[in-house]
Structures are given as C-alpha cells and as structure tokens.
Amino acid sequence: MMRVAIRMLMGDRAKYLGIVMGLTFAALLMTQQMSIFVGLMSRTYGFIADTGLPDIWVMDPKVQQIDDLKPMQDTELYRVRGVEGVEWATPLYKGLLKARLSDGTFQTCNVIGLDDASLIGGPPEMIEGSLADLRRAESVIVDEVGARGKLAKPPTEPGGAPTPLRVGDTLELNDHRAIVVGICRVSRTFQSQPVVYTTYSRATTFAPRERKLLSFILVKASEGVDPAVLRERIRAATGLAAYTGREFRWLTVSYFLKNTGIPINFGISTLLGLIVGTAIAGQTFYNFTLDNIRQFGALKAMGAGNFLLLRMILIQAFTVGLIGYGLGVGIASLFGTSAGRTELAFLLLPEILVIVGGAVLVICCLSALLSMVKVWRTEPAIVFKG
C-alpha cells in the first residue's frame, strides 16, 4: 500500500511539483536567513575569536561589547599583573584611525596595538611576512581583505583594477609613516574595516594624544588556576570588568541582539518562509487529496481501514517534505559557498539544519492533518456517485 501511495502522489505531476517547490522555497528561505543571521552575529566577535591565547579579557566596567572602547590608564596593567594566579598580562590597543592612501583619499582602519615584547594578540594566520617583523621600525601588518580592497592602490590606467597593497608599500596613519611588513588573514568583523596590526608603543604614537590609551588587558591564568576564579579575583582587586573569552563573545552578541533590529528583521524573514511554505504546501496537498478522494474511497470499499489510509497520507507528506527539505538546504548551501568570498555573512551550523528540518516536519504534519480529516470522513459509496 505504501507503493500505491507514492504512485498516487507522483501520478499528478503538477501538484506533486507544486508541493515540492513550496517546501523547497520554505526550507531555502529559512536556512538562508538563519545562516546569514548567525554569520552576521559571528562577525561581531570575530576579533575575540582570533585572539584565542589569553584566558581573560580585562576592561573598563562600562564596556558593553568589543567595539565599545573605553580606554584605561596604563597603570591598570600593573595592578592586574599583581593579582594572584596571573601568569602574564599584556596590553592591547584597539582604535579607529584614518589611513591616507597614495591617491590622497582617507580610509578608516581598525588599528590593533600588540605588546612590544611578546606580540600576544596577533593575527591567527600570516600569508606574507612574519609577526616578528613588527619589531622593525615603522612596521605594520595589514589584513588580506583590506590589502586587496579598501587599502588597495588606485589603478594605473583609467578603468583598470586597483593594485593590492604588498609588503614594502607604505601607508600614512594619522600623519605617521607606516611600512607594510606582512599580510595576514583574519576573521571578518561587523564593521568590515581594514585591520592593521602594529606594536602597542607604535599604536599609541599613531593615535591622537590622550591620557588613557589602554583598550584591553589580556590575561593568562597560571597552571592549575581556574579562569573563572581568577576572573573574580581580578574584579575584586581592581574594580575592572573581567570576562573569559566565551563570556566576552556572548556579551558582544547580546549587545547587538538587544540594541539593534537585526534579530527582528531576520526573524520576520524566517517566519515568512514558514508561513508561505505552510500555505503553499498545505493548500496544494489538500487539493491533491480532493482530486484523489475517489481513489481513497475505492480503497475503503476494498477493505482498507482509516488508519491504513492515514499512514498513506503521512508517507506522501513526509516524502515531499524530505525532497523539499533536501533541495532547499542544498540550494542554500550552494548559495553560501558561492558567497564565501564576498561581503555577505553566511554561517550554516548543524543546529540550523535541525531547526529547519523541524519546521518542514511541522509543515508536513499540518498539510497531512487537513487531508486526514477529509479522508476520515469519506464514505466508500463515493465511488459509485456520478
């Protein structure tokens, strides 16, 4: 009987394709929008993810997220180093500075100043050059995307392609000369601005003169010391805010979830996919059942019980659901792969596949429920009616 159910389903080619297309569109829209949302949120803490060596981030208590910079005095670094259980603590400068390009235009850059001695907090992957090259005079390291994009040199001919920034080229950061000694690869950030690494002392020279320039303190817990315990010690001893890397990520994500319209916008798009999929698939599947009501009546006349017919409907609904889910998720995955080198944020997690699969299952159940009611009430005598 299950084979009969599949043959009935695929016998009406138009309605079969209509149901599959409705479910495909629903799965595609939900997968795409949730993946873009997750990708966008992951960019908010991209710099934190790249700086994986420290256990704890120490900052001003009023800092709300990674880009909410409230500098501290340099003396706070020595107070943190004096807390029991701290193996090392290094300064980190993070700020937005204007770079003057060779054609005279300006580009805002995210400048990162690393501890002069250890260079802790550097980029996770070097493409050209070495992190140790930052110890050279006037040296900086530029991220790959920025070097090819916003910091690229203007084309030599009208209408030509810009020339990517290379090792040996120079920049002007806040009226200070900077020599590119390396190209790195970093995670894309929410602001999507070029990232420039240099030493802490040089970054504070590039930056406008201020009394406070220390953005963060990166702390490593001694062996055998729980980072959560050390975090509380630092808070109690210094009065500063201290978070583990994971906590700082969630602090940043929570800020964007609460203070921006991003969750609402993507939530509406995802809900729209669910509603449209339910409407199209449910209506089409119900019409398919109405068109085949005589066949179901004939099966009843031949002794098929209601529960057997209901199982047939469920098989039909879950078959189109599985096909639509596979096609929708597959198209969304191809879309994300093709957009990997663009500005579009896209991150497809296993959890998204489970959520979308559950949503498609709900659509199939609702569609099957409408048809079940009609089949349950169908009398075998309908076969003999004109």
Protein backbone atom coordinates (compact mmCIF):
# COMPACT_ATOMS: atom_id res chain seq x y z
CA MET A 1 0.00 0.00 0.00
CA MET A 2 2.91 2.35 0.61
CA ARG A 3 3.99 1.87 -3.00
CA VAL A 4 0.45 2.72 -4.08
CA ALA A 5 0.62 5.92 -2.00
CA ILE A 6 3.84 7.02 -3.71
CA ARG A 7 2.44 6.23 -7.17
CA MET A 8 -0.69 8.27 -6.37
CA LEU A 9 1.48 11.15 -5.21
CA MET A 10 3.70 11.25 -8.27
CA GLY A 11 0.86 10.47 -10.68
CA ASP A 12 -0.38 14.06 -10.51
CA ARG A 13 2.88 15.63 -11.69
CA ALA A 14 1.73 19.25 -11.47
CA LYS A 15 0.54 19.09 -7.86
CA TYR A 16 3.50 16.94 -6.85
CA LEU A 17 5.95 19.52 -8.20
CA GLY A 18 3.91 22.35 -6.65
CA ILE A 19 4.15 20.79 -3.17
CA VAL A 20 7.88 20.12 -3.56
CA MET A 21 8.54 23.66 -4.79
CA GLY A 22 6.60 25.16 -1.88
CA LEU A 23 8.58 23.15 0.66
CA THR A 24 11.84 23.85 -1.17
CA PHE A 25 11.20 27.58 -1.05
CA ALA A 26 10.32 27.43 2.65
CA ALA A 27 13.44 25.42 3.54
CA LEU A 28 15.63 27.64 1.36
CA LEU A 29 14.35 30.89 2.84
CA MET A 30 14.57 29.71 6.44
CA THR A 31 18.05 28.19 6.01
CA GLN A 32 19.41 31.21 4.16
CA GLN A 33 18.06 33.84 6.54
CA MET A 34 19.12 31.99 9.71
CA SER A 35 22.59 31.31 8.28
CA ILE A 36 23.06 34.98 7.34
CA PHE A 37 21.86 35.99 10.81
CA VAL A 38 24.29 33.60 12.54
CA GLY A 39 27.10 34.70 10.19
CA LEU A 40 26.42 38.33 10.96
CA MET A 41 26.40 37.71 14.69
CA SER A 42 29.65 35.72 14.47
CA ARG A 43 31.31 38.75 12.86
CA THR A 44 30.54 40.87 15.90
CA TYR A 45 33.07 38.82 17.94
CA GLY A 46 35.45 37.93 15.09
CA PHE A 47 38.36 39.76 16.70
CA ILE A 48 37.77 37.97 20.03
CA ALA A 49 37.78 34.60 18.25
CA ASP A 50 41.07 35.44 16.53
CA THR A 51 42.67 36.36 19.87
CA GLY A 52 42.47 32.93 21.44
CA LEU A 53 45.65 32.79 23.57
CA PRO A 54 44.50 34.79 26.65
CA ASP A 55 42.04 33.26 29.10
CA ILE A 56 40.58 36.55 30.36
CA TRP A 57 39.86 39.98 28.90
CA VAL A 58 40.06 42.89 31.35
CA MET A 59 38.46 46.24 30.51
CA ASP A 60 36.63 49.27 31.82
CA PRO A 61 33.43 48.23 33.66
CA LYS A 62 31.27 50.26 31.29
CA VAL A 63 32.38 48.44 28.13
CA GLN A 64 29.36 46.78 26.50
CA GLN A 65 30.96 45.00 23.52
CA ILE A 66 34.27 44.59 21.70
CA ASP A 67 33.95 47.83 19.70
CA ASP A 68 32.71 49.90 22.65
CA LEU A 69 36.13 51.24 23.57
CA LYS A 70 36.61 52.98 26.92
CA PRO A 71 40.39 53.25 27.43
CA MET A 72 42.09 52.83 30.80
CA GLN A 73 45.27 54.21 32.29
CA ASP A 74 48.44 52.17 31.68
CA THR A 75 48.88 51.74 35.44
CA GLU A 76 45.92 49.33 35.46
CA LEU A 77 48.16 46.80 33.69
CA TYR A 78 50.48 46.57 36.72
CA ARG A 79 47.55 46.22 39.11
CA VAL A 80 46.27 43.24 37.11
CA ARG A 81 49.74 41.68 36.99
CA GLY A 82 49.82 41.81 40.78
CA VAL A 83 46.72 39.61 41.18
CA GLU A 84 47.46 36.12 42.46
CA GLY A 85 47.11 33.47 39.76
CA VAL A 86 48.04 35.67 36.79
CA GLU A 87 50.76 34.06 34.68
CA TRP A 88 51.06 37.05 32.37
CA ALA A 89 49.10 40.15 31.43
CA THR A 90 49.75 42.18 28.28
CA PRO A 91 48.35 45.47 26.98
CA LEU A 92 46.23 45.74 23.84
CA TYR A 93 45.35 48.89 21.93
CA LYS A 94 42.31 48.90 19.66
CA GLY A 95 41.13 52.00 17.88
CA LEU A 96 39.91 53.54 14.65
CA LEU A 97 42.50 55.63 12.83
CA LYS A 98 42.46 57.23 9.40
CA ALA A 99 44.93 55.99 6.80
CA ARG A 100 45.93 58.32 3.98
CA LEU A 101 46.32 56.40 0.72
CA SER A 102 48.68 57.16 -2.15
CA ASP A 103 45.98 58.99 -4.12
CA GLY A 104 45.22 61.30 -1.20
CA THR A 105 41.98 59.64 -0.09
CA PHE A 106 41.35 58.56 3.51
CA GLN A 107 40.22 55.20 4.83
CA THR A 108 39.30 54.43 8.43
CA CYS A 109 41.23 51.40 9.73
CA ASN A 110 40.91 49.22 12.81
CA VAL A 111 44.38 49.54 14.34
CA ILE A 112 45.50 46.87 16.81
CA GLY A 113 48.50 47.50 19.04
CA LEU A 114 50.21 44.37 20.43
CA ASP A 115 52.53 44.02 23.40
CA ASP A 116 56.01 45.04 22.18
CA ALA A 117 57.82 42.15 23.87
CA SER A 118 55.52 39.16 23.28
CA LEU A 119 53.28 40.34 20.39
CA ILE A 120 50.41 38.45 22.06
CA GLY A 121 47.06 39.06 20.34
CA GLY A 122 48.47 38.95 16.81
CA PRO A 123 46.67 37.67 13.70
CA PRO A 124 45.85 33.95 13.62
CA GLU A 125 47.37 33.35 10.17
CA MET A 126 50.16 35.07 8.26
CA ILE A 127 50.09 34.96 4.45
CA GLU A 128 53.22 37.02 3.80
CA GLY A 129 55.93 38.05 6.21
CA SER A 130 56.25 37.17 9.88
CA LEU A 131 54.67 38.51 13.05
CA ALA A 132 58.16 39.17 14.40
CA ASP A 133 58.67 41.70 11.59
CA LEU A 134 56.53 44.11 13.62
CA ARG A 135 59.64 44.82 15.67
CA ARG A 136 61.09 46.68 12.71
CA ALA A 137 60.82 50.45 12.68
CA GLU A 138 57.51 51.92 11.43
CA SER A 139 56.18 48.44 10.57
CA VAL A 140 52.56 47.31 10.28
CA ILE A 141 50.73 44.16 9.15
CA VAL A 142 47.58 44.53 7.06
CA ASP A 143 44.77 42.00 6.65
CA GLU A 144 44.32 40.33 3.27
CA VAL A 145 40.83 41.67 2.53
CA GLY A 146 41.84 45.23 3.34
CA ALA A 147 45.00 44.97 1.27
CA ARG A 148 43.02 43.82 -1.77
CA GLY A 149 40.08 46.13 -1.19
CA LYS A 150 39.81 49.41 0.68
CA LEU A 151 43.57 49.92 1.08
CA ALA A 152 44.49 48.90 -2.47
CA LYS A 153 46.42 51.36 -4.59
CA PRO A 154 44.40 53.12 -7.31
CA PRO A 155 44.59 51.70 -10.86
CA THR A 156 47.42 52.98 -13.03
CA GLU A 157 45.09 53.30 -16.01
CA PRO A 158 41.53 54.66 -16.15
CA GLY A 159 39.06 51.82 -15.74
CA GLY A 160 41.77 49.40 -14.59
CA ALA A 161 41.78 47.21 -11.49
CA PRO A 162 43.25 48.51 -8.21
CA THR A 163 46.66 47.17 -7.23
CA PRO A 164 46.62 45.24 -3.92
CA LEU A 165 48.79 46.53 -1.11
CA ARG A 166 52.00 44.49 -0.88
CA VAL A 167 54.88 44.00 1.52
CA GLY A 168 57.15 47.02 1.25
CA ASP A 169 54.39 49.52 0.43
CA THR A 170 53.78 52.43 2.77
CA LEU A 171 50.75 53.95 4.46
CA GLU A 172 50.21 57.17 6.36
CA LEU A 173 48.39 56.61 9.66
CA ASN A 174 47.36 59.84 11.37
CA ASP A 175 50.29 61.69 9.73
CA HIS A 176 52.76 58.93 10.66
CA ARG A 177 54.59 56.79 8.10
CA ALA A 178 53.90 53.05 8.27
CA ILE A 179 55.65 50.33 6.24
CA VAL A 180 53.74 47.13 5.39
CA VAL A 181 55.89 44.16 6.50
CA GLY A 182 53.23 41.44 6.28
CA ILE A 183 49.81 40.37 5.05
CA CYS A 184 47.57 38.35 7.38
CA ARG A 185 44.21 36.59 7.25
CA VAL A 186 41.71 37.42 9.98
CA SER A 187 38.03 36.80 10.63
CA ARG A 188 35.69 39.32 9.06
CA THR A 189 34.35 41.83 11.55
CA PHE A 190 30.98 43.51 11.89
CA GLN A 191 32.39 46.87 10.82
CA SER A 192 34.21 45.33 7.80
CA GLN A 193 37.06 47.85 8.04
CA PRO A 194 40.68 47.08 7.16
CA VAL A 195 42.64 45.69 10.12
CA VAL A 196 46.15 46.99 10.76
CA TYR A 197 48.42 45.35 13.37
CA THR A 198 51.41 47.05 14.95
CA THR A 199 53.12 47.22 18.35
CA TYR A 200 51.46 48.83 21.35
CA SER A 201 54.01 51.64 21.67
CA ARG A 202 53.76 52.43 17.96
CA ALA A 203 49.94 52.30 18.00
CA THR A 204 49.84 54.82 20.86
CA THR A 205 52.15 57.01 18.79
CA PHE A 206 49.82 56.77 15.79
CA ALA A 207 46.78 57.53 17.94
CA PRO A 208 45.82 61.09 18.93
CA ARG A 209 47.34 62.20 22.23
CA GLU A 210 45.08 61.16 25.12
CA ARG A 211 45.59 60.48 28.80
CA LYS A 212 44.12 56.99 28.52
CA LEU A 213 45.02 54.67 25.61
CA LEU A 214 44.92 51.16 27.07
CA SER A 215 41.88 49.44 25.50
CA PHE A 216 42.14 45.92 26.96
CA ILE A 217 44.38 43.81 29.15
CA LEU A 218 44.89 40.22 28.01
CA VAL A 219 45.45 37.79 30.89
CA LYS A 220 46.65 34.19 31.03
CA ALA A 221 45.84 32.15 34.13
CA SER A 222 48.63 30.26 35.84
CA GLU A 223 48.67 26.50 35.52
CA GLY A 224 46.07 24.93 37.77
CA VAL A 225 44.14 28.18 38.26
CA ASP A 226 40.52 28.20 37.08
CA PRO A 227 39.96 31.20 34.75
CA ALA A 228 36.53 31.76 36.33
CA VAL A 229 38.12 32.03 39.80
CA LEU A 230 40.87 34.32 38.51
CA ARG A 231 38.28 36.49 36.81
CA GLU A 232 36.57 37.11 40.16
CA ARG A 233 39.89 37.87 41.81
CA ILE A 234 40.72 40.49 39.19
CA ARG A 235 37.29 42.10 39.59
CA ALA A 236 37.62 42.23 43.36
CA ALA A 237 41.22 43.52 43.37
CA THR A 238 40.99 46.14 40.62
CA GLY A 239 37.33 47.05 40.22
CA LEU A 240 37.66 46.45 36.47
CA ALA A 241 35.44 44.22 34.35
CA ALA A 242 36.90 40.81 33.55
CA TYR A 243 35.45 38.18 31.23
CA THR A 244 36.60 34.88 29.82
CA GLY A 245 36.80 34.77 26.04
CA ARG A 246 33.49 32.91 25.81
CA GLU A 247 31.76 35.36 28.16
CA PHE A 248 33.07 38.34 26.20
CA ARG A 249 31.73 36.84 22.97
CA TRP A 250 28.26 36.44 24.46
CA LEU A 251 28.42 39.94 25.96
CA THR A 252 29.08 41.31 22.46
CA VAL A 253 26.39 39.20 20.79
CA SER A 254 23.86 40.10 23.48
CA TYR A 255 24.52 43.79 22.92
CA PHE A 256 23.68 43.53 19.22
CA LEU A 257 20.66 41.35 19.90
CA LYS A 258 19.22 43.84 22.39
CA ASN A 259 20.17 47.13 20.77
CA THR A 260 19.75 46.56 17.04
CA GLY A 261 16.87 45.50 14.78
CA ILE A 262 18.85 42.61 13.29
CA PRO A 263 17.03 39.77 15.15
CA ILE A 264 13.60 41.21 14.32
CA ASN A 265 14.39 41.63 10.62
CA PHE A 266 15.77 38.14 10.15
CA GLY A 267 13.10 36.64 12.42
CA ILE A 268 10.36 38.11 10.22
CA SER A 269 12.01 36.67 7.09
CA THR A 270 12.28 33.22 8.69
CA LEU A 271 8.68 33.32 9.87
CA LEU A 272 7.62 34.39 6.38
CA GLY A 273 9.29 31.30 4.94
CA LEU A 274 7.41 29.10 7.40
CA ILE A 275 4.05 30.76 6.66
CA VAL A 276 4.50 30.71 2.87
CA GLY A 277 5.64 27.09 2.92
CA THR A 278 2.69 26.06 5.06
CA ALA A 279 0.21 27.92 2.86
CA ILE A 280 1.52 26.62 -0.46
CA ALA A 281 2.24 23.06 0.59
CA GLY A 282 -0.89 22.73 2.73
CA GLN A 283 -3.28 24.07 0.09
CA THR A 284 -1.70 22.09 -2.75
CA PHE A 285 -1.61 18.87 -0.73
CA TYR A 286 -5.23 19.33 0.30
CA ASN A 287 -6.25 19.85 -3.34
CA PHE A 288 -4.28 16.73 -4.25
CA THR A 289 -6.29 14.78 -1.66
CA LEU A 290 -9.58 16.15 -3.01
CA ASP A 291 -8.62 15.12 -6.54
CA ASN A 292 -7.87 11.60 -5.33
CA ILE A 293 -10.80 11.26 -2.93
CA ARG A 294 -12.44 8.63 -5.16
CA GLN A 295 -9.29 6.52 -5.05
CA PHE A 296 -9.27 6.68 -1.27
CA GLY A 297 -12.97 5.78 -1.29
CA ALA A 298 -12.25 2.79 -3.54
CA LEU A 299 -9.56 1.59 -1.15
CA LYS A 300 -12.06 1.88 1.69
CA ALA A 301 -14.57 -0.14 -0.30
CA MET A 302 -11.95 -2.85 -0.76
CA GLY A 303 -11.44 -3.10 2.99
CA ALA A 304 -8.70 -0.58 3.73
CA GLY A 305 -9.16 0.93 7.18
CA ASN A 306 -8.91 4.58 8.11
CA PHE A 307 -5.56 4.13 9.85
CA LEU A 308 -4.04 2.49 6.77
CA LEU A 309 -5.21 5.42 4.63
CA LEU A 310 -3.84 7.87 7.19
CA ARG A 311 -0.47 6.14 7.04
CA MET A 312 -0.55 6.50 3.26
CA ILE A 313 -1.17 10.25 3.60
CA LEU A 314 1.68 10.57 6.09
CA ILE A 315 4.01 8.71 3.73
CA GLN A 316 3.03 11.08 0.92
CA ALA A 317 3.52 14.17 3.11
CA PHE A 318 6.88 13.08 4.50
CA THR A 319 8.14 12.06 1.05
CA VAL A 320 7.58 15.51 -0.43
CA GLY A 321 8.86 17.03 2.83
CA LEU A 322 12.14 15.12 2.65
CA ILE A 323 12.64 16.03 -1.01
CA GLY A 324 11.78 19.70 -0.44
CA TYR A 325 13.99 19.90 2.64
CA GLY A 326 16.94 18.37 0.79
CA LEU A 327 16.57 20.68 -2.20
CA GLY A 328 16.09 23.80 -0.07
CA VAL A 329 19.06 23.13 2.21
CA GLY A 330 21.20 22.13 -0.77
CA ILE A 331 20.45 25.33 -2.68
CA ALA A 332 21.11 27.40 0.45
CA SER A 333 24.45 25.62 0.95
CA LEU A 334 25.47 26.33 -2.65
CA PHE A 335 24.47 29.96 -2.15
CA GLY A 336 26.60 30.19 0.99
CA THR A 337 29.58 28.56 -0.73
CA SER A 338 29.39 30.94 -3.69
CA ALA A 339 29.14 33.92 -1.32
CA GLY A 340 32.13 32.84 0.77
CA ARG A 341 34.49 35.38 -0.82
CA THR A 342 32.07 38.29 -0.72
CA GLU A 343 30.99 40.74 1.96
CA LEU A 344 27.94 38.58 2.71
CA ALA A 345 27.99 36.92 6.13
CA PHE A 346 26.87 33.28 5.90
CA LEU A 347 27.42 30.56 8.51
CA LEU A 348 25.44 27.32 8.23
CA LEU A 349 25.51 25.45 11.54
CA PRO A 350 24.21 21.90 12.20
CA GLU A 351 21.69 23.41 14.60
CA ILE A 352 20.15 25.36 11.72
CA LEU A 353 19.65 22.15 9.74
CA VAL A 354 17.86 20.62 12.72
CA ILE A 355 15.62 23.68 13.21
CA VAL A 356 14.71 23.88 9.52
CA GLY A 357 14.08 20.14 9.44
CA GLY A 358 11.72 20.52 12.39
CA ALA A 359 9.93 23.41 10.67
CA VAL A 360 9.47 21.38 7.47
CA LEU A 361 8.18 18.50 9.60
CA VAL A 362 5.59 20.84 11.14
CA ILE A 363 4.52 21.99 7.66
CA CYS A 364 4.13 18.36 6.53
CA CYS A 365 2.12 17.46 9.65
CA LEU A 366 -0.24 20.42 9.19
CA SER A 367 -0.68 19.59 5.50
CA ALA A 368 -1.34 15.94 6.28
CA LEU A 369 -3.79 16.88 9.05
CA LEU A 370 -6.02 18.79 6.62
CA SER A 371 -6.11 15.82 4.27
CA MET A 372 -6.62 13.29 7.07
CA VAL A 373 -9.86 14.94 8.15
CA LYS A 374 -11.26 14.73 4.62
CA VAL A 375 -10.21 11.11 4.10
CA TRP A 376 -11.52 10.08 7.53
CA ARG A 377 -14.97 11.40 6.65
CA THR A 378 -15.01 9.86 3.18
CA GLU A 379 -17.60 7.12 2.65
CA PRO A 380 -16.83 4.15 0.33
CA ALA A 381 -20.10 4.89 -1.53
CA ILE A 382 -18.47 7.97 -3.09
CA VAL A 383 -17.01 5.65 -5.70
CA PHE A 384 -20.49 4.98 -7.11
CA LYS A 385 -21.61 8.62 -7.18
CA GLY A 386 -21.67 10.41 -10.56
